[in-house]
Amino acid sequence: LIASVICECRLAVNGKNDRKMKKLKWISVLLIAFLAISCSGEVKYDNKSFNDGQFSFDVPTFMKSLPLGNEDASMQYGHEINAFFVMVITETQSSLLEVGLDYSIEDYGDFAVDYLKESLTSPKVERVNETIQNINGLESISYKVRGVFTEIKEDIFYYLTIYKSEDNFYSMSTWTLGSREGKYTPVMQKMIQSFKEN
């Protein structure tokens, strides 16, 4: 697309089509603006609250609410062009106890990872820290999960974090294409570290 725009611009500059030249000037301006936004290293964030104010965290301003297909999610945000998404699922400990599941945070983490692996071919799981971490007063454990997303045959990178408060479990899944892991890992970490139960 970029090469074709450049090629047509050269033809226009040579005087072969003045009308096309005017049109291509606008296309070039829009293309440059789009590339500047897409390639900029600076990411801005808004601190947003979800689930009737139950929890909050910093969300990149380029992400918007999107229906990602999980009716149980407390929030679902993303950006389709950037192929970058986040989802949080909330579950009360009392609801688990009602069905006989007295989960520790590590038990819940193992369950969440196993569920995630079902959608991937040849998944590889890496626990980020050996010990349970504390993020803003919540117990937390994180995993990096890599594999091929079966439905679209693309390499996918997940950064999954489980939080445990006195009453609740929160599962934050962030994901992108495998080729963009390096670009978006710092953004994922910013979101993870800012998570709070209100």
N, C-alpha and C. Protein backbone atom coordinates (compact mmCIF):
# COMPACT_ATOMS: atom_id res chain seq x y z
N LEU A 1 0.84 -1.21 0.00
CA LEU A 1 0.00 0.00 0.00
C LEU A 1 0.87 1.25 0.00
N ILE A 2 1.88 1.30 0.86
CA ILE A 2 2.76 2.47 0.93
C ILE A 2 3.49 2.66 -0.38
N ALA A 3 4.01 1.52 -0.95
CA ALA A 3 4.76 1.59 -2.20
C ALA A 3 3.89 2.11 -3.33
N SER A 4 2.65 1.66 -3.40
CA SER A 4 1.75 2.10 -4.47
C SER A 4 1.43 3.57 -4.34
N VAL A 5 1.26 4.07 -3.10
CA VAL A 5 1.00 5.50 -2.89
C VAL A 5 2.18 6.33 -3.35
N ILE A 6 3.39 5.90 -3.00
CA ILE A 6 4.61 6.62 -3.40
C ILE A 6 4.73 6.64 -4.92
N CYS A 7 4.47 5.49 -5.54
CA CYS A 7 4.56 5.38 -7.00
C CYS A 7 3.59 6.35 -7.66
N GLU A 8 2.35 6.38 -7.20
CA GLU A 8 1.35 7.25 -7.80
C GLU A 8 1.67 8.71 -7.53
N CYS A 9 2.25 9.00 -6.40
CA CYS A 9 2.66 10.38 -6.11
C CYS A 9 3.70 10.86 -7.12
N ARG A 10 4.65 9.98 -7.47
CA ARG A 10 5.69 10.34 -8.44
C ARG A 10 5.08 10.65 -9.81
N LEU A 11 4.09 9.84 -10.20
CA LEU A 11 3.42 10.08 -11.47
C LEU A 11 2.72 11.43 -11.46
N ALA A 12 2.09 11.73 -10.33
CA ALA A 12 1.36 12.99 -10.23
C ALA A 12 2.31 14.17 -10.27
N VAL A 13 3.46 14.05 -9.60
CA VAL A 13 4.44 15.13 -9.57
C VAL A 13 4.93 15.43 -10.98
N ASN A 14 5.03 14.39 -11.81
CA ASN A 14 5.48 14.56 -13.19
C ASN A 14 4.42 15.23 -14.06
N GLY A 15 3.27 15.58 -13.47
CA GLY A 15 2.26 16.34 -14.19
C GLY A 15 1.29 15.51 -15.00
N LYS A 16 1.25 14.21 -14.75
CA LYS A 16 0.37 13.35 -15.54
C LYS A 16 -1.07 13.41 -15.07
N ASN A 17 -1.28 13.79 -13.82
CA ASN A 17 -2.67 13.82 -13.34
C ASN A 17 -2.77 14.75 -12.14
N ASP A 18 -3.13 16.03 -12.36
CA ASP A 18 -3.20 17.02 -11.29
C ASP A 18 -4.26 16.68 -10.25
N ARG A 19 -5.42 16.18 -10.73
CA ARG A 19 -6.49 15.83 -9.79
C ARG A 19 -6.04 14.71 -8.86
N LYS A 20 -5.38 13.71 -9.44
CA LYS A 20 -4.89 12.60 -8.63
C LYS A 20 -3.83 13.09 -7.64
N MET A 21 -3.03 14.07 -8.08
CA MET A 21 -1.99 14.60 -7.19
C MET A 21 -2.60 15.23 -5.95
N LYS A 22 -3.68 16.01 -6.13
CA LYS A 22 -4.33 16.63 -4.98
C LYS A 22 -4.88 15.58 -4.03
N LYS A 23 -5.49 14.55 -4.62
CA LYS A 23 -6.05 13.47 -3.81
C LYS A 23 -4.96 12.73 -3.06
N LEU A 24 -3.85 12.48 -3.76
CA LEU A 24 -2.76 11.72 -3.14
C LEU A 24 -2.05 12.52 -2.05
N LYS A 25 -2.07 13.84 -2.17
CA LYS A 25 -1.49 14.65 -1.10
C LYS A 25 -2.23 14.40 0.21
N TRP A 26 -3.57 14.35 0.11
CA TRP A 26 -4.37 14.08 1.30
C TRP A 26 -4.13 12.67 1.81
N ILE A 27 -4.04 11.69 0.88
CA ILE A 27 -3.76 10.31 1.28
C ILE A 27 -2.42 10.22 1.98
N SER A 28 -1.42 10.93 1.43
CA SER A 28 -0.09 10.90 2.03
C SER A 28 -0.10 11.49 3.43
N VAL A 29 -0.82 12.61 3.60
CA VAL A 29 -0.91 13.24 4.93
C VAL A 29 -1.54 12.28 5.93
N LEU A 30 -2.66 11.65 5.52
CA LEU A 30 -3.35 10.72 6.41
C LEU A 30 -2.49 9.51 6.71
N LEU A 31 -1.77 9.01 5.69
CA LEU A 31 -0.91 7.84 5.87
C LEU A 31 0.23 8.15 6.84
N ILE A 32 0.84 9.31 6.68
CA ILE A 32 1.93 9.70 7.57
C ILE A 32 1.41 9.86 9.00
N ALA A 33 0.23 10.46 9.14
CA ALA A 33 -0.35 10.63 10.49
C ALA A 33 -0.63 9.29 11.12
N PHE A 34 -1.19 8.35 10.32
CA PHE A 34 -1.49 7.03 10.84
C PHE A 34 -0.21 6.31 11.28
N LEU A 35 0.83 6.39 10.44
CA LEU A 35 2.08 5.73 10.79
C LEU A 35 2.72 6.36 12.02
N ALA A 36 2.60 7.67 12.15
CA ALA A 36 3.18 8.34 13.32
C ALA A 36 2.50 7.88 14.60
N ILE A 37 1.15 7.74 14.54
CA ILE A 37 0.41 7.29 15.71
C ILE A 37 0.75 5.84 16.02
N SER A 38 0.81 5.00 14.97
CA SER A 38 1.04 3.57 15.17
C SER A 38 2.43 3.28 15.67
N CYS A 39 3.42 4.07 15.21
CA CYS A 39 4.81 3.76 15.52
C CYS A 39 5.33 4.53 16.73
N SER A 40 4.56 5.46 17.23
CA SER A 40 5.01 6.25 18.37
C SER A 40 5.26 5.36 19.58
N GLY A 41 6.39 5.62 20.26
CA GLY A 41 6.72 4.82 21.42
C GLY A 41 5.97 5.24 22.67
N GLU A 42 5.37 6.43 22.65
CA GLU A 42 4.68 6.95 23.83
C GLU A 42 3.25 6.46 23.88
N VAL A 43 2.90 5.81 24.98
CA VAL A 43 1.53 5.34 25.18
C VAL A 43 0.93 6.12 26.34
N LYS A 44 -0.25 6.68 26.12
CA LYS A 44 -0.95 7.41 27.17
C LYS A 44 -2.02 6.51 27.77
N TYR A 45 -2.32 6.75 29.05
CA TYR A 45 -3.24 5.89 29.79
C TYR A 45 -4.32 6.72 30.48
N ASP A 46 -5.49 6.11 30.63
CA ASP A 46 -6.55 6.63 31.49
C ASP A 46 -6.81 5.60 32.57
N ASN A 47 -6.95 6.05 33.82
CA ASN A 47 -7.32 5.11 34.88
C ASN A 47 -8.83 4.95 34.85
N LYS A 48 -9.30 3.72 34.60
CA LYS A 48 -10.72 3.46 34.43
C LYS A 48 -11.21 2.48 35.48
N SER A 49 -12.45 2.68 35.93
CA SER A 49 -13.10 1.77 36.87
C SER A 49 -14.11 0.91 36.12
N PHE A 50 -14.27 -0.34 36.60
CA PHE A 50 -15.15 -1.29 35.94
C PHE A 50 -15.98 -2.06 36.96
N ASN A 51 -17.01 -2.74 36.45
CA ASN A 51 -17.87 -3.58 37.27
C ASN A 51 -18.48 -2.79 38.42
N ASP A 52 -19.09 -1.66 38.05
CA ASP A 52 -19.72 -0.77 39.04
C ASP A 52 -18.71 -0.26 40.07
N GLY A 53 -17.50 0.04 39.59
CA GLY A 53 -16.48 0.62 40.46
C GLY A 53 -15.74 -0.38 41.33
N GLN A 54 -15.91 -1.68 41.06
CA GLN A 54 -15.29 -2.70 41.91
C GLN A 54 -13.77 -2.72 41.78
N PHE A 55 -13.27 -2.50 40.56
CA PHE A 55 -11.82 -2.50 40.36
C PHE A 55 -11.47 -1.47 39.29
N SER A 56 -10.20 -1.10 39.26
CA SER A 56 -9.73 -0.11 38.29
C SER A 56 -8.29 -0.43 37.89
N PHE A 57 -7.90 0.07 36.74
CA PHE A 57 -6.50 -0.01 36.31
C PHE A 57 -6.28 0.95 35.14
N ASP A 58 -5.01 1.17 34.80
CA ASP A 58 -4.65 2.08 33.73
C ASP A 58 -4.84 1.39 32.37
N VAL A 59 -5.64 2.02 31.51
CA VAL A 59 -5.94 1.48 30.19
C VAL A 59 -5.37 2.42 29.14
N PRO A 60 -4.62 1.91 28.15
CA PRO A 60 -4.12 2.78 27.08
C PRO A 60 -5.28 3.52 26.40
N THR A 61 -5.06 4.78 26.08
CA THR A 61 -6.13 5.59 25.51
C THR A 61 -6.54 5.11 24.12
N PHE A 62 -5.68 4.34 23.44
CA PHE A 62 -6.05 3.86 22.11
C PHE A 62 -7.00 2.66 22.15
N MET A 63 -7.23 2.10 23.35
CA MET A 63 -8.12 0.95 23.47
C MET A 63 -9.54 1.41 23.78
N LYS A 64 -10.49 0.70 23.20
CA LYS A 64 -11.90 0.99 23.41
C LYS A 64 -12.65 -0.27 23.81
N SER A 65 -13.84 -0.10 24.36
CA SER A 65 -14.67 -1.24 24.72
C SER A 65 -15.02 -2.04 23.46
N LEU A 66 -14.78 -3.35 23.51
CA LEU A 66 -15.04 -4.22 22.37
C LEU A 66 -15.73 -5.50 22.86
N PRO A 67 -16.67 -6.02 22.08
CA PRO A 67 -17.25 -7.33 22.42
C PRO A 67 -16.31 -8.45 21.99
N LEU A 68 -15.62 -9.06 22.95
CA LEU A 68 -14.63 -10.08 22.63
C LEU A 68 -15.16 -11.50 22.81
N GLY A 69 -16.46 -11.61 23.03
CA GLY A 69 -17.08 -12.93 22.99
C GLY A 69 -17.16 -13.69 24.30
N ASN A 70 -16.86 -13.02 25.42
CA ASN A 70 -16.97 -13.70 26.71
C ASN A 70 -18.01 -12.99 27.56
N GLU A 71 -19.16 -13.61 27.71
CA GLU A 71 -20.26 -13.00 28.46
C GLU A 71 -19.97 -12.90 29.96
N ASP A 72 -19.00 -13.68 30.45
CA ASP A 72 -18.67 -13.65 31.87
C ASP A 72 -17.68 -12.54 32.23
N ALA A 73 -17.13 -11.87 31.22
CA ALA A 73 -16.11 -10.86 31.48
C ALA A 73 -16.70 -9.61 32.12
N SER A 74 -15.96 -9.05 33.08
CA SER A 74 -16.36 -7.80 33.72
C SER A 74 -16.00 -6.59 32.87
N MET A 75 -15.01 -6.74 32.01
CA MET A 75 -14.64 -5.71 31.05
C MET A 75 -13.92 -6.37 29.88
N GLN A 76 -14.07 -5.76 28.69
CA GLN A 76 -13.39 -6.23 27.49
C GLN A 76 -13.02 -5.00 26.66
N TYR A 77 -11.74 -4.77 26.47
CA TYR A 77 -11.25 -3.63 25.70
C TYR A 77 -10.25 -4.12 24.66
N GLY A 78 -10.05 -3.31 23.62
CA GLY A 78 -9.05 -3.68 22.64
C GLY A 78 -8.90 -2.65 21.55
N HIS A 79 -8.01 -2.98 20.63
CA HIS A 79 -7.79 -2.19 19.41
C HIS A 79 -7.49 -3.18 18.30
N GLU A 80 -8.43 -3.30 17.36
CA GLU A 80 -8.32 -4.35 16.35
C GLU A 80 -7.16 -4.14 15.40
N ILE A 81 -6.87 -2.91 14.99
CA ILE A 81 -5.76 -2.66 14.07
C ILE A 81 -4.43 -2.98 14.74
N ASN A 82 -4.29 -2.59 16.02
CA ASN A 82 -3.06 -2.90 16.76
C ASN A 82 -3.01 -4.34 17.24
N ALA A 83 -4.13 -5.05 17.14
CA ALA A 83 -4.22 -6.45 17.60
C ALA A 83 -3.77 -6.56 19.06
N PHE A 84 -4.38 -5.74 19.91
CA PHE A 84 -4.01 -5.71 21.33
C PHE A 84 -5.29 -5.65 22.15
N PHE A 85 -5.43 -6.57 23.13
CA PHE A 85 -6.70 -6.73 23.82
C PHE A 85 -6.48 -7.00 25.32
N VAL A 86 -7.53 -6.70 26.12
CA VAL A 86 -7.51 -7.01 27.54
C VAL A 86 -8.91 -7.40 27.98
N MET A 87 -8.96 -8.36 28.91
CA MET A 87 -10.23 -8.82 29.46
C MET A 87 -10.02 -9.17 30.93
N VAL A 88 -10.99 -8.83 31.77
CA VAL A 88 -10.94 -9.18 33.18
C VAL A 88 -12.19 -9.98 33.54
N ILE A 89 -11.99 -11.12 34.19
CA ILE A 89 -13.08 -11.94 34.70
C ILE A 89 -13.02 -11.91 36.22
N THR A 90 -14.15 -11.62 36.84
CA THR A 90 -14.25 -11.54 38.31
C THR A 90 -15.03 -12.74 38.82
N GLU A 91 -14.54 -13.32 39.92
CA GLU A 91 -15.23 -14.46 40.51
C GLU A 91 -15.11 -14.39 42.03
N THR A 92 -16.21 -14.52 42.72
CA THR A 92 -16.16 -14.47 44.18
C THR A 92 -15.69 -15.80 44.74
N GLN A 93 -14.95 -15.74 45.84
CA GLN A 93 -14.52 -16.98 46.49
C GLN A 93 -15.71 -17.75 47.04
N SER A 94 -16.75 -17.03 47.46
CA SER A 94 -17.93 -17.71 48.01
C SER A 94 -18.63 -18.55 46.95
N SER A 95 -18.64 -18.08 45.69
CA SER A 95 -19.28 -18.85 44.62
C SER A 95 -18.51 -20.14 44.33
N LEU A 96 -17.21 -20.10 44.50
CA LEU A 96 -16.40 -21.30 44.32
C LEU A 96 -16.61 -22.28 45.47
N LEU A 97 -16.69 -21.74 46.67
CA LEU A 97 -16.91 -22.60 47.84
C LEU A 97 -18.25 -23.31 47.77
N GLU A 98 -19.22 -22.65 47.15
CA GLU A 98 -20.55 -23.26 47.02
C GLU A 98 -20.54 -24.53 46.18
N VAL A 99 -19.55 -24.63 45.28
CA VAL A 99 -19.44 -25.84 44.45
C VAL A 99 -18.25 -26.71 44.89
N GLY A 100 -17.80 -26.46 46.13
CA GLY A 100 -16.77 -27.31 46.72
C GLY A 100 -15.35 -27.01 46.30
N LEU A 101 -15.08 -25.80 45.80
CA LEU A 101 -13.74 -25.44 45.34
C LEU A 101 -13.13 -24.41 46.28
N ASP A 102 -12.21 -24.87 47.11
CA ASP A 102 -11.51 -23.99 48.05
C ASP A 102 -10.14 -23.70 47.46
N TYR A 103 -10.12 -22.74 46.51
CA TYR A 103 -8.91 -22.49 45.73
C TYR A 103 -7.95 -21.52 46.41
N SER A 104 -6.66 -21.84 46.35
CA SER A 104 -5.62 -20.85 46.62
C SER A 104 -5.42 -20.07 45.32
N ILE A 105 -4.62 -19.01 45.39
CA ILE A 105 -4.37 -18.24 44.17
C ILE A 105 -3.64 -19.10 43.12
N GLU A 106 -2.79 -19.99 43.58
CA GLU A 106 -2.06 -20.85 42.63
C GLU A 106 -2.99 -21.89 42.00
N ASP A 107 -3.93 -22.41 42.79
CA ASP A 107 -4.93 -23.32 42.22
C ASP A 107 -5.74 -22.61 41.13
N TYR A 108 -6.16 -21.39 41.44
CA TYR A 108 -6.96 -20.63 40.47
C TYR A 108 -6.13 -20.31 39.23
N GLY A 109 -4.85 -19.98 39.44
CA GLY A 109 -3.96 -19.70 38.32
C GLY A 109 -3.79 -20.91 37.42
N ASP A 110 -3.62 -22.09 38.01
CA ASP A 110 -3.49 -23.32 37.22
C ASP A 110 -4.76 -23.56 36.39
N PHE A 111 -5.92 -23.32 37.00
CA PHE A 111 -7.19 -23.49 36.30
C PHE A 111 -7.29 -22.52 35.12
N ALA A 112 -6.92 -21.25 35.34
CA ALA A 112 -7.01 -20.24 34.28
C ALA A 112 -6.06 -20.54 33.13
N VAL A 113 -4.85 -20.99 33.47
CA VAL A 113 -3.87 -21.32 32.43
C VAL A 113 -4.34 -22.52 31.61
N ASP A 114 -4.86 -23.53 32.28
CA ASP A 114 -5.36 -24.71 31.56
C ASP A 114 -6.49 -24.34 30.62
N TYR A 115 -7.37 -23.45 31.07
CA TYR A 115 -8.48 -23.00 30.23
C TYR A 115 -7.96 -22.26 29.00
N LEU A 116 -6.94 -21.42 29.20
CA LEU A 116 -6.35 -20.64 28.11
C LEU A 116 -5.67 -21.56 27.10
N LYS A 117 -4.98 -22.57 27.59
CA LYS A 117 -4.24 -23.49 26.73
C LYS A 117 -5.14 -24.26 25.77
N GLU A 118 -6.41 -24.41 26.14
CA GLU A 118 -7.33 -25.17 25.29
C GLU A 118 -7.54 -24.54 23.92
N SER A 119 -7.34 -23.22 23.81
CA SER A 119 -7.54 -22.54 22.53
C SER A 119 -6.26 -22.44 21.70
N LEU A 120 -5.16 -23.01 22.23
CA LEU A 120 -3.87 -22.87 21.56
C LEU A 120 -3.29 -24.21 21.12
N THR A 121 -2.53 -24.17 20.03
CA THR A 121 -1.77 -25.33 19.58
C THR A 121 -0.33 -25.17 20.09
N SER A 122 0.21 -26.23 20.65
CA SER A 122 1.59 -26.24 21.18
C SER A 122 1.84 -25.09 22.15
N PRO A 123 0.99 -24.93 23.18
CA PRO A 123 1.19 -23.82 24.13
C PRO A 123 2.43 -24.01 25.00
N LYS A 124 3.09 -22.90 25.29
CA LYS A 124 4.24 -22.89 26.20
C LYS A 124 3.94 -21.88 27.30
N VAL A 125 4.07 -22.32 28.56
CA VAL A 125 3.70 -21.49 29.71
C VAL A 125 4.94 -21.16 30.52
N GLU A 126 5.09 -19.89 30.86
CA GLU A 126 6.21 -19.42 31.69
C GLU A 126 5.64 -18.63 32.85
N ARG A 127 5.91 -19.09 34.07
CA ARG A 127 5.48 -18.31 35.24
C ARG A 127 6.47 -17.16 35.43
N VAL A 128 5.95 -15.95 35.59
CA VAL A 128 6.80 -14.76 35.61
C VAL A 128 7.64 -14.69 36.88
N ASN A 129 7.03 -14.97 38.04
CA ASN A 129 7.75 -14.95 39.31
C ASN A 129 7.52 -16.27 40.04
N GLU A 130 8.53 -16.76 40.72
CA GLU A 130 8.39 -18.03 41.44
C GLU A 130 7.50 -17.88 42.67
N THR A 131 7.50 -16.70 43.25
CA THR A 131 6.72 -16.48 44.48
C THR A 131 5.50 -15.62 44.19
N ILE A 132 4.53 -15.68 45.09
CA ILE A 132 3.34 -14.84 44.97
C ILE A 132 3.74 -13.39 45.22
N GLN A 133 3.29 -12.50 44.34
CA GLN A 133 3.61 -11.08 44.44
C GLN A 133 2.47 -10.32 45.12
N ASN A 134 2.76 -9.09 45.53
CA ASN A 134 1.74 -8.20 46.08
C ASN A 134 1.63 -6.98 45.19
N ILE A 135 0.45 -6.77 44.62
CA ILE A 135 0.20 -5.60 43.78
C ILE A 135 -0.96 -4.83 44.38
N ASN A 136 -0.64 -3.66 44.91
CA ASN A 136 -1.66 -2.77 45.49
C ASN A 136 -2.56 -3.49 46.50
N GLY A 137 -1.91 -4.29 47.36
CA GLY A 137 -2.62 -4.98 48.43
C GLY A 137 -3.27 -6.29 48.04
N LEU A 138 -3.10 -6.72 46.80
CA LEU A 138 -3.67 -7.97 46.32
C LEU A 138 -2.57 -9.00 46.06
N GLU A 139 -2.82 -10.25 46.44
CA GLU A 139 -1.92 -11.32 46.01
C GLU A 139 -2.01 -11.43 44.49
N SER A 140 -0.89 -11.75 43.85
CA SER A 140 -0.93 -11.87 42.39
C SER A 140 0.12 -12.87 41.89
N ILE A 141 -0.21 -13.53 40.81
CA ILE A 141 0.74 -14.36 40.07
C ILE A 141 0.50 -14.10 38.59
N SER A 142 1.58 -14.13 37.82
CA SER A 142 1.49 -13.85 36.38
C SER A 142 2.14 -14.97 35.56
N TYR A 143 1.61 -15.14 34.36
CA TYR A 143 2.11 -16.14 33.42
C TYR A 143 2.21 -15.53 32.03
N LYS A 144 3.25 -15.93 31.31
CA LYS A 144 3.35 -15.64 29.88
C LYS A 144 3.04 -16.92 29.14
N VAL A 145 2.09 -16.84 28.24
CA VAL A 145 1.64 -18.02 27.50
C VAL A 145 1.79 -17.75 26.01
N ARG A 146 2.48 -18.63 25.32
CA ARG A 146 2.70 -18.48 23.88
C ARG A 146 2.20 -19.71 23.15
N GLY A 147 1.64 -19.51 21.98
CA GLY A 147 1.16 -20.64 21.19
C GLY A 147 0.52 -20.15 19.92
N VAL A 148 0.00 -21.07 19.15
CA VAL A 148 -0.70 -20.73 17.91
C VAL A 148 -2.21 -20.77 18.19
N PHE A 149 -2.87 -19.65 17.94
CA PHE A 149 -4.32 -19.60 18.14
C PHE A 149 -4.97 -20.43 17.04
N THR A 150 -5.64 -21.48 17.46
CA THR A 150 -6.12 -22.50 16.53
C THR A 150 -7.02 -21.94 15.44
N GLU A 151 -7.93 -21.04 15.79
CA GLU A 151 -8.93 -20.55 14.84
C GLU A 151 -8.34 -19.74 13.70
N ILE A 152 -7.27 -18.97 13.96
CA ILE A 152 -6.72 -18.09 12.92
C ILE A 152 -5.31 -18.48 12.50
N LYS A 153 -4.76 -19.54 13.11
CA LYS A 153 -3.42 -20.03 12.74
C LYS A 153 -2.35 -18.95 12.86
N GLU A 154 -2.44 -18.16 13.92
CA GLU A 154 -1.47 -17.09 14.18
C GLU A 154 -0.82 -17.30 15.53
N ASP A 155 0.49 -16.92 15.62
CA ASP A 155 1.17 -16.95 16.91
C ASP A 155 0.56 -15.88 17.82
N ILE A 156 0.24 -16.29 19.05
CA ILE A 156 -0.39 -15.38 20.01
C ILE A 156 0.44 -15.35 21.28
N PHE A 157 0.51 -14.17 21.89
CA PHE A 157 1.19 -14.00 23.17
C PHE A 157 0.20 -13.48 24.20
N TYR A 158 0.04 -14.23 25.28
CA TYR A 158 -0.82 -13.83 26.40
C TYR A 158 0.05 -13.47 27.61
N TYR A 159 -0.34 -12.42 28.31
CA TYR A 159 0.23 -12.11 29.63
C TYR A 159 -0.95 -12.18 30.59
N LEU A 160 -1.02 -13.25 31.34
CA LEU A 160 -2.16 -13.53 32.22
C LEU A 160 -1.77 -13.26 33.67
N THR A 161 -2.59 -12.50 34.38
CA THR A 161 -2.34 -12.22 35.80
C THR A 161 -3.58 -12.54 36.61
N ILE A 162 -3.37 -13.25 37.72
CA ILE A 162 -4.44 -13.58 38.66
C ILE A 162 -4.22 -12.76 39.92
N TYR A 163 -5.28 -12.12 40.40
CA TYR A 163 -5.25 -11.36 41.65
C TYR A 163 -6.23 -12.00 42.63
N LYS A 164 -5.86 -11.96 43.91
CA LYS A 164 -6.74 -12.50 44.95
C LYS A 164 -6.86 -11.48 46.07
N SER A 165 -8.11 -11.10 46.35
CA SER A 165 -8.38 -10.23 47.49
C SER A 165 -9.03 -11.08 48.59
N GLU A 166 -9.54 -10.45 49.60
CA GLU A 166 -10.17 -11.19 50.69
C GLU A 166 -11.40 -11.96 50.20
N ASP A 167 -12.10 -11.40 49.22
CA ASP A 167 -13.37 -11.99 48.78
C ASP A 167 -13.40 -12.47 47.33
N ASN A 168 -12.46 -11.98 46.51
CA ASN A 168 -12.58 -12.20 45.07
C ASN A 168 -11.29 -12.69 44.41
N PHE A 169 -11.49 -13.33 43.26
CA PHE A 169 -10.42 -13.59 42.32
C PHE A 169 -10.67 -12.72 41.09
N TYR A 170 -9.59 -12.18 40.53
CA TYR A 170 -9.65 -11.44 39.27
C TYR A 170 -8.64 -12.07 38.32
N SER A 171 -9.09 -12.34 37.11
CA SER A 171 -8.21 -12.88 36.07
C SER A 171 -8.10 -11.86 34.95
N MET A 172 -6.91 -11.23 34.83
CA MET A 172 -6.68 -10.27 33.75
C MET A 172 -5.88 -10.93 32.63
N SER A 173 -6.49 -11.03 31.48
CA SER A 173 -5.81 -11.56 30.29
C SER A 173 -5.53 -10.41 29.33
N THR A 174 -4.26 -10.23 28.99
CA THR A 174 -3.89 -9.30 27.92
C THR A 174 -3.24 -10.12 26.83
N TRP A 175 -3.51 -9.75 25.58
CA TRP A 175 -2.90 -10.55 24.51
C TRP A 175 -2.73 -9.74 23.23
N THR A 176 -1.80 -10.25 22.39
CA THR A 176 -1.49 -9.64 21.11
C THR A 176 -0.89 -10.71 20.21
N LEU A 177 -0.54 -10.34 19.00
CA LEU A 177 0.14 -11.28 18.10
C LEU A 177 1.53 -11.57 18.64
N GLY A 178 2.02 -12.77 18.37
CA GLY A 178 3.36 -13.14 18.83
C GLY A 178 4.43 -12.19 18.32
N SER A 179 4.26 -11.67 17.12
CA SER A 179 5.24 -10.76 16.53
C SER A 179 5.28 -9.40 17.24
N ARG A 180 4.27 -9.10 18.08
CA ARG A 180 4.21 -7.82 18.77
C ARG A 180 4.45 -7.94 20.27
N GLU A 181 4.92 -9.10 20.69
CA GLU A 181 5.18 -9.33 22.12
C GLU A 181 6.12 -8.27 22.69
N GLY A 182 7.23 -8.03 22.01
CA GLY A 182 8.21 -7.06 22.51
C GLY A 182 7.65 -5.66 22.60
N LYS A 183 6.81 -5.29 21.65
CA LYS A 183 6.24 -3.95 21.62
C LYS A 183 5.26 -3.73 22.76
N TYR A 184 4.42 -4.73 23.05
CA TYR A 184 3.32 -4.51 23.98
C TYR A 184 3.55 -5.06 25.39
N THR A 185 4.61 -5.82 25.62
CA THR A 185 4.86 -6.33 26.97
C THR A 185 4.97 -5.19 28.01
N PRO A 186 5.70 -4.10 27.74
CA PRO A 186 5.75 -3.01 28.73
C PRO A 186 4.38 -2.40 29.00
N VAL A 187 3.52 -2.33 27.98
CA VAL A 187 2.17 -1.80 28.16
C VAL A 187 1.36 -2.74 29.04
N MET A 188 1.48 -4.04 28.78
CA MET A 188 0.80 -5.03 29.60
C MET A 188 1.23 -4.93 31.06
N GLN A 189 2.54 -4.78 31.28
CA GLN A 189 3.06 -4.69 32.64
C GLN A 189 2.55 -3.46 33.36
N LYS A 190 2.42 -2.35 32.66
CA LYS A 190 1.87 -1.12 33.24
C LYS A 190 0.43 -1.36 33.68
N MET A 191 -0.35 -2.01 32.84
CA MET A 191 -1.74 -2.30 33.18
C MET A 191 -1.82 -3.22 34.39
N ILE A 192 -1.00 -4.25 34.39
CA ILE A 192 -1.00 -5.24 35.48
C ILE A 192 -0.64 -4.58 36.81
N GLN A 193 0.40 -3.76 36.82
CA GLN A 193 0.88 -3.16 38.06
C GLN A 193 -0.06 -2.09 38.60
N SER A 194 -0.96 -1.58 37.76
CA SER A 194 -1.86 -0.52 38.21
C SER A 194 -3.19 -1.06 38.73
N PHE A 195 -3.42 -2.37 38.64
CA PHE A 195 -4.70 -2.94 39.01
C PHE A 195 -4.97 -2.77 40.50
N LYS A 196 -6.19 -2.31 40.83
CA LYS A 196 -6.59 -2.12 42.24
C LYS A 196 -8.02 -2.57 42.43
N GLU A 197 -8.29 -3.14 43.60
CA GLU A 197 -9.67 -3.38 44.01
C GLU A 197 -10.11 -2.15 44.79
N ASN A 198 -11.22 -1.54 44.39
CA ASN A 198 -11.65 -0.27 45.00
C ASN A 198 -12.52 -0.52 46.25
